C-alpha atoms as a PDB file:
ATOM      1  CA  MET A   1      -7.243  -8.838 -14.010  1.00  0.00           C
ATOM      2  CA  MET A   2      -4.296  -9.456 -12.385  1.00  0.00           C
ATOM      3  CA  ASP A   3      -0.809  -6.625 -12.657  1.00  0.00           C
ATOM      4  CA  GLU A   4       1.188  -7.961 -14.822  1.00  0.00           C
ATOM      5  CA  ARG A   5       4.261  -5.070 -13.572  1.00  0.00           C
ATOM      6  CA  ILE A   6       6.454  -7.901 -11.288  1.00  0.00           C
ATOM      7  CA  PRO A   7       6.298  -6.577  -7.966  1.00  0.00           C
ATOM      8  CA  ALA A   8      10.036  -6.618  -5.889  1.00  0.00           C
ATOM      9  CA  VAL A   9       8.537  -8.901  -3.031  1.00  0.00           C
ATOM     10  CA  SER A  10       5.791 -11.529  -2.756  1.00  0.00           C
ATOM     11  CA  ILE A  11       4.282 -12.769   0.276  1.00  0.00           C
ATOM     12  CA  GLY A  12       3.124 -15.414   1.170  1.00  0.00           C
ATOM     13  CA  LEU A  13       0.235 -16.125   3.341  1.00  0.00           C
ATOM     14  CA  PRO A  14      -1.170 -19.477   3.827  1.00  0.00           C
ATOM     15  CA  VAL A  15      -4.233 -19.556   6.222  1.00  0.00           C
ATOM     16  CA  TYR A  16      -6.927 -22.376   7.477  1.00  0.00           C
ATOM     17  CA  ASN A  17      -9.812 -21.023  10.113  1.00  0.00           C
ATOM     18  CA  GLY A  18      -7.608 -17.503  10.730  1.00  0.00           C
ATOM     19  CA  ASP A  19     -10.570 -15.120  11.222  1.00  0.00           C
ATOM     20  CA  ARG A  20      -9.528 -14.003  14.584  1.00  0.00           C
ATOM     21  CA  PHE A  21      -5.864 -12.944  13.826  1.00  0.00           C
ATOM     22  CA  LEU A  22      -5.881 -12.638   9.984  1.00  0.00           C
ATOM     23  CA  ARG A  23      -7.149  -8.552  10.223  1.00  0.00           C
ATOM     24  CA  GLN A  24      -4.279  -7.481  11.506  1.00  0.00           C
ATOM     25  CA  ALA A  25      -1.809  -9.833  10.002  1.00  0.00           C
ATOM     26  CA  VAL A  26      -2.982  -8.473   6.501  1.00  0.00           C
ATOM     27  CA  GLU A  27      -3.338  -5.117   8.054  1.00  0.00           C
ATOM     28  CA  SER A  28       0.471  -4.927   8.911  1.00  0.00           C
ATOM     29  CA  ILE A  29       1.329  -6.027   5.581  1.00  0.00           C
ATOM     30  CA  LEU A  30      -0.498  -3.294   3.521  1.00  0.00           C
ATOM     31  CA  ASN A  31       0.476  -0.788   6.428  1.00  0.00           C
ATOM     32  CA  GLN A  32       4.191  -1.360   4.968  1.00  0.00           C
ATOM     33  CA  THR A  33       6.647   1.638   4.764  1.00  0.00           C
ATOM     34  CA  PHE A  34       7.740  -0.415   1.016  1.00  0.00           C
ATOM     35  CA  GLY A  35       4.660  -1.169  -1.146  1.00  0.00           C
ATOM     36  CA  ASP A  36       6.280  -2.936  -4.102  1.00  0.00           C
ATOM     37  CA  PHE A  37       5.118  -6.280  -3.363  1.00  0.00           C
ATOM     38  CA  GLU A  38       2.089  -8.947  -3.383  1.00  0.00           C
ATOM     39  CA  LEU A  39       0.243 -10.664  -1.021  1.00  0.00           C
ATOM     40  CA  ILE A  40      -0.210 -14.190  -1.954  1.00  0.00           C
ATOM     41  CA  ILE A  41      -3.725 -15.195   0.546  1.00  0.00           C
ATOM     42  CA  SER A  42      -3.551 -18.886   0.111  1.00  0.00           C
ATOM     43  CA  ASP A  43      -7.164 -20.193   1.918  1.00  0.00           C
ATOM     44  CA  ASN A  44      -7.448 -23.992   3.087  1.00  0.00           C
ATOM     45  CA  ALA A  45     -10.501 -24.234   2.555  1.00  0.00           C
ATOM     46  CA  SER A  46     -11.520 -22.233   5.716  1.00  0.00           C
ATOM     47  CA  THR A  47     -14.688 -22.890   7.746  1.00  0.00           C
ATOM     48  CA  ASP A  48     -15.264 -19.990   9.411  1.00  0.00           C
ATOM     49  CA  GLY A  49     -15.250 -16.210   8.056  1.00  0.00           C
ATOM     50  CA  THR A  50     -11.289 -16.547   6.400  1.00  0.00           C
ATOM     51  CA  GLU A  51     -13.201 -16.723   2.862  1.00  0.00           C
ATOM     52  CA  GLU A  52     -14.868 -13.937   3.496  1.00  0.00           C
ATOM     53  CA  MET A  53     -12.764 -11.647   5.482  1.00  0.00           C
ATOM     54  CA  CYS A  54      -9.861 -12.605   2.864  1.00  0.00           C
ATOM     55  CA  ARG A  55     -12.079 -11.304  -0.467  1.00  0.00           C
ATOM     56  CA  GLY A  56     -13.030  -7.770   1.018  1.00  0.00           C
ATOM     57  CA  LEU A  57      -9.324  -7.402   1.174  1.00  0.00           C
ATOM     58  CA  ALA A  58      -8.818  -8.748  -1.784  1.00  0.00           C
ATOM     59  CA  ALA A  59     -11.533  -6.445  -3.324  1.00  0.00           C
ATOM     60  CA  GLN A  60     -10.326  -3.617  -1.623  1.00  0.00           C
ATOM     61  CA  ASP A  61      -6.529  -3.908  -2.525  1.00  0.00           C
ATOM     62  CA  PRO A  62      -5.350  -4.534  -5.767  1.00  0.00           C
ATOM     63  CA  ARG A  63      -1.609  -6.043  -3.990  1.00  0.00           C
ATOM     64  CA  VAL A  64      -3.550  -8.520  -2.530  1.00  0.00           C
ATOM     65  CA  ARG A  65      -4.797 -12.053  -4.700  1.00  0.00           C
ATOM     66  CA  TYR A  66      -6.606 -14.528  -2.713  1.00  0.00           C
ATOM     67  CA  VAL A  67      -6.628 -17.816  -3.913  1.00  0.00           C
ATOM     68  CA  ARG A  68      -8.765 -20.856  -1.772  1.00  0.00           C
ATOM     69  CA  ASN A  69      -8.860 -24.274  -2.133  1.00  0.00           C
ATOM     70  CA  ALA A  70     -11.563 -26.660  -2.700  1.00  0.00           C
ATOM     71  CA  ARG A  71     -10.753 -28.847  -0.070  1.00  0.00           C
ATOM     72  CA  ASN A  72      -8.172 -28.808   2.790  1.00  0.00           C
ATOM     73  CA  ILE A  73      -4.518 -30.038   1.138  1.00  0.00           C
ATOM     74  CA  GLY A  74      -2.635 -29.734   4.371  1.00  0.00           C
ATOM     75  CA  GLY A  75      -0.860 -26.849   5.935  1.00  0.00           C
ATOM     76  CA  GLY A  76       3.175 -27.681   3.708  1.00  0.00           C
ATOM     77  CA  ARG A  77       0.733 -28.186   0.683  1.00  0.00           C
ATOM     78  CA  ASN A  78      -0.798 -24.607   1.249  1.00  0.00           C
ATOM     79  CA  ALA A  79       2.572 -23.081   2.805  1.00  0.00           C
ATOM     80  CA  ASN A  80       4.168 -24.136  -0.662  1.00  0.00           C
ATOM     81  CA  GLN A  81       1.170 -23.259  -3.255  1.00  0.00           C
ATOM     82  CA  VAL A  82       1.776 -19.856  -1.963  1.00  0.00           C
ATOM     83  CA  PHE A  83       6.043 -19.451  -2.695  1.00  0.00           C
ATOM     84  CA  GLU A  84       4.653 -21.323  -6.143  1.00  0.00           C
ATOM     85  CA  LEU A  85       2.557 -18.751  -6.868  1.00  0.00           C
ATOM     86  CA  ALA A  86       4.708 -16.071  -5.988  1.00  0.00           C
ATOM     87  CA  ARG A  87       6.587 -14.006  -9.049  1.00  0.00           C
ATOM     88  CA  ALA A  88       8.953 -11.790  -7.349  1.00  0.00           C
ATOM     89  CA  SER A  89      12.349 -11.642  -6.637  1.00  0.00           C
ATOM     90  CA  PHE A  90      11.926 -11.955  -2.844  1.00  0.00           C
ATOM     91  CA  PHE A  91       9.632 -13.883  -0.883  1.00  0.00           C
ATOM     92  CA  LYS A  92       8.574 -13.829   2.679  1.00  0.00           C
ATOM     93  CA  TRP A  93       6.560 -16.497   4.453  1.00  0.00           C
ATOM     94  CA  HIS A  94       3.910 -14.815   6.477  1.00  0.00           C
ATOM     95  CA  PRO A  95       1.793 -16.495   9.487  1.00  0.00           C
ATOM     96  CA  HIS A  96      -1.826 -15.700   9.522  1.00  0.00           C
ATOM     97  CA  ASP A  97      -1.427 -14.569  13.068  1.00  0.00           C
ATOM     98  CA  ASP A  98       1.498 -12.834  13.357  1.00  0.00           C
ATOM     99  CA  TYR A  99       2.306  -8.934  12.502  1.00  0.00           C
ATOM    100  CA  ILE A 100       5.205  -6.385  11.417  1.00  0.00           C
ATOM    101  CA  ALA A 101       6.375  -2.945  12.320  1.00  0.00           C
ATOM    102  CA  PRO A 102       5.397  -0.817   9.200  1.00  0.00           C
ATOM    103  CA  GLU A 103       9.146  -0.508   8.165  1.00  0.00           C
ATOM    104  CA  TYR A 104       9.847  -4.202   8.149  1.00  0.00           C
ATOM    105  CA  LEU A 105      10.339  -4.890   4.462  1.00  0.00           C
ATOM    106  CA  GLU A 106      11.540  -1.775   3.704  1.00  0.00           C
ATOM    107  CA  ARG A 107      14.831  -2.605   5.974  1.00  0.00           C
ATOM    108  CA  CYS A 108      15.453  -6.119   5.041  1.00  0.00           C
ATOM    109  CA  ILE A 109      15.113  -4.932   1.190  1.00  0.00           C
ATOM    110  CA  GLU A 110      17.905  -2.221   1.892  1.00  0.00           C
ATOM    111  CA  VAL A 111      20.119  -5.331   3.731  1.00  0.00           C
ATOM    112  CA  LEU A 112      19.019  -7.167   0.776  1.00  0.00           C
ATOM    113  CA  ARG A 113      20.286  -5.148  -2.018  1.00  0.00           C
ATOM    114  CA  ARG A 114      23.283  -3.519  -0.537  1.00  0.00           C
ATOM    115  CA  ASP A 115      25.064  -6.584  -0.096  1.00  0.00           C
ATOM    116  CA  PRO A 116      24.091  -9.994  -2.572  1.00  0.00           C
ATOM    117  CA  SER A 117      25.985 -12.100  -0.722  1.00  0.00           C
ATOM    118  CA  VAL A 118      23.171 -11.796   2.060  1.00  0.00           C
ATOM    119  CA  ILE A 119      20.086 -14.438   1.460  1.00  0.00           C
ATOM    120  CA  LEU A 120      18.547 -14.627   4.736  1.00  0.00           C
ATOM    121  CA  CYS A 121      17.324 -11.004   5.932  1.00  0.00           C
ATOM    122  CA  LEU A 122      15.386 -11.880   9.995  1.00  0.00           C
ATOM    123  CA  SER A 123      14.731  -8.996  12.118  1.00  0.00           C
ATOM    124  CA  LYS A 124      13.932  -9.260  16.532  1.00  0.00           C
ATOM    125  CA  VAL A 125      11.299 -10.655  17.427  1.00  0.00           C
ATOM    126  CA  ARG A 126       8.705  -9.986  19.811  1.00  0.00           C
ATOM    127  CA  VAL A 127       5.833 -13.057  21.218  1.00  0.00           C
ATOM    128  CA  VAL A 128       3.250 -11.787  22.191  1.00  0.00           C
ATOM    129  CA  GLY A 129      -0.215 -13.122  23.458  1.00  0.00           C
ATOM    130  CA  VAL A 130      -3.421 -12.626  22.278  1.00  0.00           C
ATOM    131  CA  GLU A 131      -4.388  -9.276  24.328  1.00  0.00           C
ATOM    132  CA  GLY A 132      -0.924  -8.151  22.450  1.00  0.00           C
ATOM    133  CA  GLU A 133       1.247  -8.618  25.755  1.00  0.00           C
ATOM    134  CA  VAL A 134       4.955  -9.253  25.409  1.00  0.00           C
ATOM    135  CA  LEU A 135       5.645 -12.691  25.736  1.00  0.00           C
ATOM    136  CA  LEU A 136       8.933 -12.938  24.638  1.00  0.00           C
ATOM    137  CA  HIS A 137      11.456 -11.011  23.419  1.00  0.00           C
ATOM    138  CA  ARG A 138      14.593 -12.280  21.257  1.00  0.00           C
ATOM    139  CA  GLU A 139      17.547  -9.801  20.818  1.00  0.00           C
ATOM    140  CA  GLY A 140      19.603  -9.903  17.479  1.00  0.00           C
ATOM    141  CA  GLY A 141      22.732 -12.449  18.055  1.00  0.00           C
ATOM    142  CA  GLN A 142      21.159 -15.309  19.713  1.00  0.00           C
ATOM    143  CA  PRO A 143      21.210 -18.185  18.462  1.00  0.00           C
ATOM    144  CA  LEU A 144      17.962 -19.037  16.156  1.00  0.00           C
ATOM    145  CA  THR A 145      16.732 -21.662  14.001  1.00  0.00           C
ATOM    146  CA  LEU A 146      17.134 -20.649  10.252  1.00  0.00           C
ATOM    147  CA  ALA A 147      15.368 -22.222   7.113  1.00  0.00           C
ATOM    148  CA  VAL A 148      15.659 -20.699   3.748  1.00  0.00           C
ATOM    149  CA  ALA A 149      13.238 -21.449   1.093  1.00  0.00           C
ATOM    150  CA  THR A 150      14.916 -22.820  -2.857  1.00  0.00           C
ATOM    151  CA  ARG A 151      13.256 -23.380  -5.975  1.00  0.00           C
ATOM    152  CA  ASP A 152      14.444 -26.641  -7.679  1.00  0.00           C
ATOM    153  CA  ALA A 153      13.371 -27.847 -10.782  1.00  0.00           C
ATOM    154  CA  GLU A 154      13.293 -31.157 -10.236  1.00  0.00           C
ATOM    155  CA  HIS A 155      11.114 -31.018  -6.966  1.00  0.00           C
ATOM    156  CA  SER A 156       9.070 -28.187  -5.605  1.00  0.00           C
ATOM    157  CA  PRO A 157       9.396 -25.252  -3.126  1.00  0.00           C
ATOM    158  CA  THR A 158      11.215 -26.382  -0.232  1.00  0.00           C
ATOM    159  CA  VAL A 159      12.537 -25.487   3.062  1.00  0.00           C
ATOM    160  CA  ALA A 160      16.247 -26.191   3.591  1.00  0.00           C
ATOM    161  CA  PRO A 161      18.068 -25.270   6.560  1.00  0.00           C
ATOM    162  CA  ILE A 162      20.686 -22.758   6.546  1.00  0.00           C
ATOM    163  CA  ALA A 163      24.196 -24.792   5.881  1.00  0.00           C
ATOM    164  CA  GLU A 164      21.982 -25.764   3.008  1.00  0.00           C
ATOM    165  CA  ALA A 165      20.593 -22.639   1.506  1.00  0.00           C
ATOM    166  CA  ALA A 166      24.433 -21.335   2.008  1.00  0.00           C
ATOM    167  CA  ARG A 167      25.309 -24.197  -0.054  1.00  0.00           C
ATOM    168  CA  GLN A 168      23.054 -23.482  -2.513  1.00  0.00           C
ATOM    169  CA  ALA A 169      23.291 -19.785  -3.084  1.00  0.00           C
ATOM    170  CA  LEU A 170      26.818 -20.436  -3.799  1.00  0.00           C
ATOM    171  CA  ILE A 171      25.501 -22.397  -7.242  1.00  0.00           C
ATOM    172  CA  GLY A 172      22.699 -19.663  -7.334  1.00  0.00           C
ATOM    173  CA  GLU A 173      19.784 -22.411  -6.710  1.00  0.00           C
ATOM    174  CA  ALA A 174      18.564 -19.963  -3.769  1.00  0.00           C
ATOM    175  CA  MET A 175      16.046 -17.419  -3.790  1.00  0.00           C
ATOM    176  CA  PRO A 176      16.186 -14.525  -1.336  1.00  0.00           C
ATOM    177  CA  VAL A 177      13.931 -14.677   1.057  1.00  0.00           C
ATOM    178  CA  LEU A 178      13.132 -11.481   3.981  1.00  0.00           C
ATOM    179  CA  ALA A 179      12.308 -14.149   6.524  1.00  0.00           C
ATOM    180  CA  ALA A 180      12.129 -17.387   8.111  1.00  0.00           C
ATOM    181  CA  PHE A 181      10.757 -19.861  11.020  1.00  0.00           C
ATOM    182  CA  THR A 182      12.202 -19.353  14.127  1.00  0.00           C
END
């Protein structure tokens, strides 16, 4: 039975055939110093070991909610699905092959709660290879392409460019997100 208490953060993790890197991604989320979150994993009808792994992870931790699509609905719809299932005030999309530092959520929430005018919080980025080697390190201040998730009563969740997101935040349509696509 799902916990009726609404967490502070919803993390949406859409996945298709991600068993190679999924465990590391999920463990990096579950090991956060900020624990008031739900992790929504939407499996897009994977044909590898993703389903078994996700069911095991959900059985071990009540913060994990696993949803499996009966058929592949496409990457975009699967990403929208985790957003639609989110219950929290803050949302983060999380790729199945990314991992985050243990204090990632704590630091992002601190920034977002300190200043209500902030609608987006990003971190430094390290791109790593399959063996964990650092391929690219992006420090703060370098240009990024940003997007923010919004909820619109007439449309499904969308990803809007940052200029539009700022406009929506001013009129109250934006839902704060913890990270965006870079």
